């Protein structure tokens, strides 16, 4: 059960389940390819994680990074991870790829206006079709 989204509003973004984590496409694309890593158990702080959860988090992050580095249209120049928990009091980590140059994807240009600085935080949700396309391209390229 996705305890962070009880109403199922964002269920279409679900990508992959791990033992301790779930990976989802973010409906807010601060930059192209933003995903969210959710803790599966009810926990708010990184400092409350068990060792096996921390170890697996590293695995999830490495897989996320290597997958996007393998996709020609993406190949981010950096990866940022943000954990705030201000609105949703359930541990989740925003995975934000960063791009020095503009990328084209799904019929639009994506420019990372603040590369080298904290990302611009968008509260605007993208349409479901874009989320599903990001999910599809990720799953087609993730190492099985």
N, C-alpha and C. Protein backbone atom coordinates (compact mmCIF):
# COMPACT_ATOMS: atom_id res chain seq x y z
N UNK A 1 0.84 -1.20 0.00
CA UNK A 1 0.00 0.00 0.00
C UNK A 1 0.87 1.25 0.00
N UNK A 2 0.53 2.19 -0.82
CA UNK A 2 1.27 3.45 -0.94
C UNK A 2 0.75 4.41 0.13
N UNK A 3 1.31 4.33 1.34
CA UNK A 3 0.79 5.11 2.47
C UNK A 3 0.98 6.62 2.29
N UNK A 4 1.81 7.03 1.36
CA UNK A 4 2.04 8.45 1.10
C UNK A 4 1.01 9.03 0.14
N UNK A 5 0.18 8.17 -0.46
CA UNK A 5 -0.82 8.61 -1.43
C UNK A 5 -2.07 7.75 -1.28
N UNK A 6 -2.70 7.86 -0.12
CA UNK A 6 -3.84 6.99 0.21
C UNK A 6 -4.99 7.10 -0.78
N UNK A 7 -5.19 8.28 -1.34
CA UNK A 7 -6.30 8.47 -2.30
C UNK A 7 -5.95 7.96 -3.70
N UNK A 8 -4.68 7.63 -3.94
CA UNK A 8 -4.28 7.10 -5.24
C UNK A 8 -4.19 8.15 -6.34
N UNK A 9 -4.08 9.41 -5.97
CA UNK A 9 -4.03 10.49 -6.96
C UNK A 9 -2.83 10.36 -7.90
N UNK A 10 -1.71 9.87 -7.37
CA UNK A 10 -0.48 9.82 -8.16
C UNK A 10 -0.05 8.38 -8.49
N UNK A 11 -0.96 7.45 -8.43
CA UNK A 11 -0.61 6.03 -8.63
C UNK A 11 -0.02 5.75 -10.01
N UNK A 12 -0.37 6.54 -11.01
CA UNK A 12 0.16 6.32 -12.35
C UNK A 12 1.66 6.58 -12.43
N UNK A 13 2.20 7.30 -11.45
CA UNK A 13 3.63 7.57 -11.43
C UNK A 13 4.47 6.43 -10.87
N UNK A 14 3.82 5.42 -10.29
CA UNK A 14 4.57 4.30 -9.69
C UNK A 14 5.40 3.61 -10.76
N UNK A 15 6.69 3.40 -10.44
CA UNK A 15 7.62 2.79 -11.38
C UNK A 15 8.10 1.43 -10.90
N UNK A 16 8.60 1.38 -9.67
CA UNK A 16 9.26 0.16 -9.20
C UNK A 16 9.23 0.07 -7.69
N UNK A 17 9.06 -1.15 -7.20
CA UNK A 17 9.07 -1.39 -5.77
C UNK A 17 10.33 -2.17 -5.39
N UNK A 18 10.92 -1.76 -4.30
CA UNK A 18 12.08 -2.44 -3.73
C UNK A 18 11.66 -2.99 -2.37
N UNK A 19 12.56 -3.59 -1.65
CA UNK A 19 12.21 -4.12 -0.33
C UNK A 19 11.76 -3.02 0.61
N UNK A 20 12.51 -1.90 0.64
CA UNK A 20 12.23 -0.81 1.59
C UNK A 20 11.77 0.49 0.94
N UNK A 21 11.79 0.57 -0.37
CA UNK A 21 11.54 1.82 -1.08
C UNK A 21 10.62 1.61 -2.26
N UNK A 22 9.99 2.69 -2.71
CA UNK A 22 9.23 2.69 -3.95
C UNK A 22 9.70 3.89 -4.76
N UNK A 23 9.83 3.70 -6.06
CA UNK A 23 10.27 4.75 -6.97
C UNK A 23 9.09 5.18 -7.83
N UNK A 24 8.88 6.50 -7.92
CA UNK A 24 7.78 7.04 -8.71
C UNK A 24 8.25 8.24 -9.51
N UNK A 25 7.61 8.43 -10.66
CA UNK A 25 7.82 9.65 -11.44
C UNK A 25 7.11 10.78 -10.70
N UNK A 26 7.76 11.90 -10.55
CA UNK A 26 7.13 13.05 -9.92
C UNK A 26 6.19 13.74 -10.91
N UNK A 27 5.01 14.10 -10.45
CA UNK A 27 4.09 14.86 -11.29
C UNK A 27 4.53 16.32 -11.39
N UNK A 28 5.51 16.73 -10.60
CA UNK A 28 6.12 18.06 -10.71
C UNK A 28 7.52 17.86 -11.27
N UNK A 29 7.70 18.22 -12.51
CA UNK A 29 8.99 18.05 -13.17
C UNK A 29 9.80 19.34 -13.04
N UNK A 30 10.51 19.47 -11.93
CA UNK A 30 11.34 20.65 -11.68
C UNK A 30 12.40 20.77 -12.77
N UNK A 31 12.96 19.63 -13.14
CA UNK A 31 13.78 19.48 -14.35
C UNK A 31 13.32 18.17 -14.98
N UNK A 32 13.73 17.92 -16.19
CA UNK A 32 13.32 16.71 -16.90
C UNK A 32 13.82 15.45 -16.17
N UNK A 33 12.90 14.56 -15.83
CA UNK A 33 13.27 13.28 -15.23
C UNK A 33 13.22 13.25 -13.72
N UNK A 34 12.49 14.15 -13.10
CA UNK A 34 12.38 14.14 -11.63
C UNK A 34 11.55 12.95 -11.17
N UNK A 35 12.10 12.21 -10.24
CA UNK A 35 11.42 11.08 -9.63
C UNK A 35 11.40 11.32 -8.12
N UNK A 36 10.62 10.51 -7.42
CA UNK A 36 10.59 10.57 -5.95
C UNK A 36 10.81 9.16 -5.42
N UNK A 37 11.66 9.05 -4.42
CA UNK A 37 11.94 7.78 -3.75
C UNK A 37 11.22 7.83 -2.40
N UNK A 38 10.26 6.93 -2.20
CA UNK A 38 9.45 6.90 -0.98
C UNK A 38 9.86 5.73 -0.09
N UNK A 39 9.99 5.99 1.20
CA UNK A 39 10.17 4.90 2.18
C UNK A 39 8.86 4.14 2.26
N UNK A 40 8.93 2.83 2.27
CA UNK A 40 7.71 2.03 2.33
C UNK A 40 7.14 1.94 3.74
N UNK A 41 8.00 2.03 4.73
CA UNK A 41 7.46 1.99 6.09
C UNK A 41 7.19 3.41 6.56
N UNK A 42 6.37 3.53 7.56
CA UNK A 42 5.96 4.83 8.09
C UNK A 42 7.10 5.43 8.90
N UNK A 43 7.85 6.33 8.27
CA UNK A 43 9.01 6.97 8.89
C UNK A 43 9.12 8.38 8.32
N UNK A 44 9.59 9.32 9.14
CA UNK A 44 9.71 10.71 8.68
C UNK A 44 11.14 11.18 8.46
N UNK A 45 12.09 10.63 9.19
CA UNK A 45 13.45 11.16 9.18
C UNK A 45 14.47 10.15 8.66
N UNK A 46 15.45 10.63 7.93
CA UNK A 46 16.55 9.79 7.48
C UNK A 46 17.26 9.19 8.70
N UNK A 47 17.37 9.96 9.76
CA UNK A 47 18.07 9.48 10.96
C UNK A 47 17.35 8.33 11.66
N UNK A 48 16.10 8.07 11.28
CA UNK A 48 15.35 6.95 11.86
C UNK A 48 15.41 5.69 10.99
N UNK A 49 16.14 5.74 9.89
CA UNK A 49 16.25 4.57 9.02
C UNK A 49 17.14 3.50 9.64
N UNK A 50 16.82 2.26 9.31
CA UNK A 50 17.66 1.13 9.70
C UNK A 50 18.78 1.00 8.69
N UNK A 51 19.85 0.34 9.09
CA UNK A 51 21.01 0.19 8.21
C UNK A 51 20.66 -0.43 6.86
N UNK A 52 19.82 -1.47 6.86
CA UNK A 52 19.48 -2.12 5.59
C UNK A 52 18.67 -1.20 4.68
N UNK A 53 17.90 -0.29 5.26
CA UNK A 53 17.16 0.68 4.45
C UNK A 53 18.11 1.69 3.81
N UNK A 54 19.11 2.11 4.55
CA UNK A 54 20.10 3.06 4.02
C UNK A 54 20.91 2.42 2.90
N UNK A 55 21.30 1.18 3.10
CA UNK A 55 22.06 0.48 2.07
C UNK A 55 21.24 0.34 0.80
N UNK A 56 19.97 -0.03 0.94
CA UNK A 56 19.14 -0.18 -0.25
C UNK A 56 18.86 1.17 -0.91
N UNK A 57 18.76 2.25 -0.15
CA UNK A 57 18.57 3.58 -0.71
C UNK A 57 19.70 3.91 -1.68
N UNK A 58 20.91 3.57 -1.29
CA UNK A 58 22.07 3.79 -2.17
C UNK A 58 21.90 3.01 -3.47
N UNK A 59 21.40 1.80 -3.39
CA UNK A 59 21.15 0.97 -4.57
C UNK A 59 20.10 1.62 -5.48
N UNK A 60 19.02 2.11 -4.88
CA UNK A 60 17.96 2.77 -5.65
C UNK A 60 18.52 3.99 -6.37
N UNK A 61 19.30 4.79 -5.67
CA UNK A 61 19.89 5.99 -6.27
C UNK A 61 20.84 5.64 -7.41
N UNK A 62 21.68 4.65 -7.20
CA UNK A 62 22.62 4.24 -8.26
C UNK A 62 21.87 3.75 -9.50
N UNK A 63 20.81 2.98 -9.29
CA UNK A 63 20.02 2.48 -10.42
C UNK A 63 19.35 3.64 -11.16
N UNK A 64 18.79 4.58 -10.42
CA UNK A 64 18.16 5.76 -11.02
C UNK A 64 19.19 6.52 -11.87
N UNK A 65 20.35 6.77 -11.31
CA UNK A 65 21.39 7.51 -12.02
C UNK A 65 21.88 6.76 -13.26
N UNK A 66 22.18 5.49 -13.11
CA UNK A 66 22.72 4.74 -14.26
C UNK A 66 21.67 4.60 -15.36
N UNK A 67 20.40 4.50 -14.98
CA UNK A 67 19.35 4.41 -16.00
C UNK A 67 19.28 5.69 -16.80
N UNK A 68 19.24 6.85 -16.15
CA UNK A 68 19.16 8.10 -16.89
C UNK A 68 20.44 8.41 -17.66
N UNK A 69 21.57 7.94 -17.17
CA UNK A 69 22.82 8.14 -17.92
C UNK A 69 22.85 7.28 -19.19
N UNK A 70 22.03 6.22 -19.23
CA UNK A 70 22.02 5.33 -20.39
C UNK A 70 21.03 5.78 -21.48
N UNK A 71 20.24 6.81 -21.21
CA UNK A 71 19.23 7.28 -22.16
C UNK A 71 19.78 8.51 -22.90
N UNK A 72 19.88 8.39 -24.21
CA UNK A 72 20.54 9.43 -25.03
C UNK A 72 19.97 10.83 -24.80
N UNK A 73 18.65 10.98 -24.72
CA UNK A 73 18.04 12.31 -24.58
C UNK A 73 18.23 12.91 -23.18
N UNK A 74 18.69 12.13 -22.25
CA UNK A 74 18.81 12.61 -20.87
C UNK A 74 20.28 12.85 -20.52
N UNK A 75 20.99 11.84 -20.10
CA UNK A 75 22.40 11.96 -19.69
C UNK A 75 22.64 13.23 -18.86
N UNK A 76 22.05 13.31 -17.67
CA UNK A 76 22.23 14.51 -16.84
C UNK A 76 23.70 14.78 -16.51
N UNK A 77 23.99 16.04 -16.29
CA UNK A 77 25.34 16.44 -15.91
C UNK A 77 25.58 16.26 -14.42
N UNK A 78 24.50 16.29 -13.63
CA UNK A 78 24.58 16.10 -12.17
C UNK A 78 23.25 15.52 -11.70
N UNK A 79 23.26 15.02 -10.47
CA UNK A 79 22.03 14.57 -9.81
C UNK A 79 21.94 15.25 -8.46
N UNK A 80 20.81 15.86 -8.17
CA UNK A 80 20.55 16.44 -6.86
C UNK A 80 19.49 15.60 -6.17
N UNK A 81 19.61 15.50 -4.85
CA UNK A 81 18.61 14.80 -4.05
C UNK A 81 18.17 15.73 -2.92
N UNK A 82 16.87 15.92 -2.79
CA UNK A 82 16.33 16.78 -1.75
C UNK A 82 15.36 16.00 -0.87
N UNK A 83 15.53 16.14 0.43
CA UNK A 83 14.60 15.55 1.39
C UNK A 83 14.20 16.67 2.34
N UNK A 84 12.92 17.04 2.29
CA UNK A 84 12.46 18.14 3.12
C UNK A 84 11.35 17.71 4.06
N UNK A 85 10.28 17.15 3.53
CA UNK A 85 9.18 16.69 4.37
C UNK A 85 8.33 17.79 4.97
N UNK A 86 8.32 18.95 4.35
CA UNK A 86 7.54 20.07 4.90
C UNK A 86 6.04 19.89 4.70
N UNK A 87 5.63 19.40 3.54
CA UNK A 87 4.20 19.23 3.26
C UNK A 87 3.75 17.80 3.52
N UNK A 88 4.53 16.83 3.07
CA UNK A 88 4.22 15.42 3.28
C UNK A 88 5.13 14.89 4.38
N UNK A 89 4.56 14.53 5.49
CA UNK A 89 5.34 14.07 6.64
C UNK A 89 5.56 12.56 6.57
N UNK A 90 6.11 12.14 5.47
CA UNK A 90 6.51 10.76 5.23
C UNK A 90 7.82 10.84 4.46
N UNK A 91 8.81 10.05 4.87
CA UNK A 91 10.14 10.17 4.27
C UNK A 91 10.09 9.89 2.77
N UNK A 92 10.50 10.89 2.03
CA UNK A 92 10.63 10.76 0.58
C UNK A 92 11.76 11.68 0.14
N UNK A 93 12.42 11.27 -0.94
CA UNK A 93 13.58 11.99 -1.43
C UNK A 93 13.34 12.33 -2.90
N UNK A 94 13.43 13.60 -3.21
CA UNK A 94 13.26 14.06 -4.59
C UNK A 94 14.57 13.85 -5.34
N UNK A 95 14.50 13.10 -6.43
CA UNK A 95 15.66 12.87 -7.29
C UNK A 95 15.53 13.82 -8.47
N UNK A 96 16.49 14.74 -8.58
CA UNK A 96 16.39 15.81 -9.56
C UNK A 96 17.63 15.82 -10.46
N UNK A 97 17.47 15.38 -11.72
CA UNK A 97 18.60 15.46 -12.64
C UNK A 97 18.87 16.92 -13.02
N UNK A 98 20.13 17.23 -13.23
CA UNK A 98 20.50 18.61 -13.58
C UNK A 98 21.21 18.61 -14.93
N UNK A 99 20.92 19.65 -15.71
CA UNK A 99 21.39 19.71 -17.09
C UNK A 99 22.06 21.05 -17.39
N UNK A 100 23.26 20.97 -17.91
CA UNK A 100 23.97 22.17 -18.33
C UNK A 100 23.38 22.74 -19.62
N UNK A 101 22.93 21.84 -20.50
CA UNK A 101 22.36 22.25 -21.78
C UNK A 101 20.90 21.81 -21.88
N UNK A 102 20.16 22.51 -22.73
CA UNK A 102 18.75 22.22 -22.97
C UNK A 102 18.57 20.81 -23.53
N UNK A 103 17.52 20.13 -23.08
CA UNK A 103 17.15 18.81 -23.60
C UNK A 103 15.79 18.92 -24.28
N UNK A 104 15.56 18.03 -25.23
CA UNK A 104 14.24 17.95 -25.88
C UNK A 104 13.64 16.60 -25.55
N UNK A 105 12.37 16.62 -25.13
CA UNK A 105 11.68 15.39 -24.80
C UNK A 105 10.18 15.61 -24.85
N UNK A 106 9.48 14.68 -25.46
CA UNK A 106 8.02 14.67 -25.50
C UNK A 106 7.47 15.97 -26.10
N UNK A 107 8.14 16.44 -27.18
CA UNK A 107 7.65 17.60 -27.90
C UNK A 107 7.90 18.95 -27.26
N UNK A 108 8.82 18.97 -26.30
CA UNK A 108 9.11 20.28 -25.71
C UNK A 108 10.58 20.40 -25.31
N UNK A 109 11.03 21.63 -25.15
CA UNK A 109 12.40 21.89 -24.69
C UNK A 109 12.40 22.01 -23.17
N UNK A 110 13.42 21.43 -22.57
CA UNK A 110 13.59 21.48 -21.12
C UNK A 110 14.90 22.19 -20.82
N UNK A 111 14.82 23.35 -20.20
CA UNK A 111 16.03 24.11 -19.86
C UNK A 111 16.14 24.20 -18.34
N UNK A 112 17.28 23.79 -17.83
CA UNK A 112 17.56 23.87 -16.40
C UNK A 112 18.14 25.26 -16.13
N UNK A 113 17.25 26.20 -15.83
CA UNK A 113 17.61 27.62 -15.69
C UNK A 113 18.58 27.89 -14.54
N UNK A 114 18.64 27.00 -13.55
CA UNK A 114 19.46 27.28 -12.36
C UNK A 114 20.56 26.23 -12.17
N UNK A 115 21.04 25.65 -13.28
CA UNK A 115 22.11 24.67 -13.16
C UNK A 115 23.26 25.26 -12.34
N UNK A 116 23.78 24.47 -11.42
CA UNK A 116 24.86 24.94 -10.54
C UNK A 116 24.34 25.56 -9.25
N UNK A 117 23.04 25.70 -9.13
CA UNK A 117 22.39 26.27 -7.95
C UNK A 117 21.18 25.40 -7.60
N UNK A 118 20.53 25.65 -6.47
CA UNK A 118 19.33 24.87 -6.16
C UNK A 118 18.30 24.99 -7.29
N UNK A 119 17.58 23.89 -7.56
CA UNK A 119 16.60 23.94 -8.65
C UNK A 119 15.42 24.84 -8.32
N UNK A 120 14.80 25.35 -9.38
CA UNK A 120 13.55 26.10 -9.22
C UNK A 120 12.49 25.07 -8.84
N UNK A 121 11.77 25.31 -7.76
CA UNK A 121 10.79 24.37 -7.25
C UNK A 121 9.43 24.65 -7.90
N UNK A 122 8.98 23.74 -8.75
CA UNK A 122 7.72 23.90 -9.46
C UNK A 122 6.59 23.23 -8.69
N UNK A 123 5.49 23.92 -8.54
CA UNK A 123 4.30 23.32 -7.94
C UNK A 123 3.27 22.97 -9.02
N UNK A 124 3.65 23.21 -10.26
CA UNK A 124 2.77 22.91 -11.39
C UNK A 124 2.91 21.44 -11.76
N UNK A 125 1.79 20.75 -11.80
CA UNK A 125 1.81 19.34 -12.17
C UNK A 125 1.76 19.19 -13.68
N UNK A 126 2.55 18.25 -14.18
CA UNK A 126 2.53 17.93 -15.61
C UNK A 126 1.38 16.97 -15.87
N UNK A 127 1.05 16.79 -17.14
CA UNK A 127 -0.06 15.89 -17.45
C UNK A 127 0.36 14.42 -17.31
N UNK A 128 -0.64 13.59 -17.15
CA UNK A 128 -0.42 12.17 -16.93
C UNK A 128 0.34 11.52 -18.08
N UNK A 129 0.11 11.98 -19.30
CA UNK A 129 0.78 11.40 -20.47
C UNK A 129 2.30 11.55 -20.38
N UNK A 130 2.77 12.70 -19.90
CA UNK A 130 4.21 12.90 -19.74
C UNK A 130 4.75 11.98 -18.66
N UNK A 131 4.04 11.86 -17.55
CA UNK A 131 4.45 10.96 -16.47
C UNK A 131 4.56 9.53 -16.99
N UNK A 132 3.56 9.09 -17.73
CA UNK A 132 3.57 7.73 -18.27
C UNK A 132 4.70 7.53 -19.28
N UNK A 133 5.03 8.56 -20.07
CA UNK A 133 6.14 8.46 -21.02
C UNK A 133 7.48 8.36 -20.29
N UNK A 134 7.66 9.15 -19.24
CA UNK A 134 8.89 9.05 -18.44
C UNK A 134 9.01 7.67 -17.79
N UNK A 135 7.90 7.18 -17.29
CA UNK A 135 7.88 5.83 -16.68
C UNK A 135 8.25 4.78 -17.72
N UNK A 136 7.66 4.88 -18.91
CA UNK A 136 7.92 3.92 -19.98
C UNK A 136 9.39 3.91 -20.39
N UNK A 137 9.96 5.10 -20.60
CA UNK A 137 11.36 5.17 -21.04
C UNK A 137 12.30 4.69 -19.94
N UNK A 138 11.96 4.96 -18.69
CA UNK A 138 12.78 4.49 -17.58
C UNK A 138 12.76 2.96 -17.52
N UNK A 139 11.58 2.38 -17.54
CA UNK A 139 11.46 0.92 -17.44
C UNK A 139 12.08 0.21 -18.64
N UNK A 140 12.09 0.86 -19.80
CA UNK A 140 12.71 0.25 -20.98
C UNK A 140 14.23 0.26 -20.89
N UNK A 141 14.78 1.10 -20.02
CA UNK A 141 16.24 1.24 -19.95
C UNK A 141 16.85 0.80 -18.63
N UNK A 142 16.04 0.53 -17.63
CA UNK A 142 16.58 0.10 -16.34
C UNK A 142 17.17 -1.30 -16.47
N UNK A 143 18.28 -1.54 -15.78
CA UNK A 143 18.86 -2.89 -15.78
C UNK A 143 17.94 -3.81 -15.03
N UNK A 144 17.62 -4.91 -15.65
CA UNK A 144 16.71 -5.88 -15.02
C UNK A 144 17.46 -6.77 -14.05
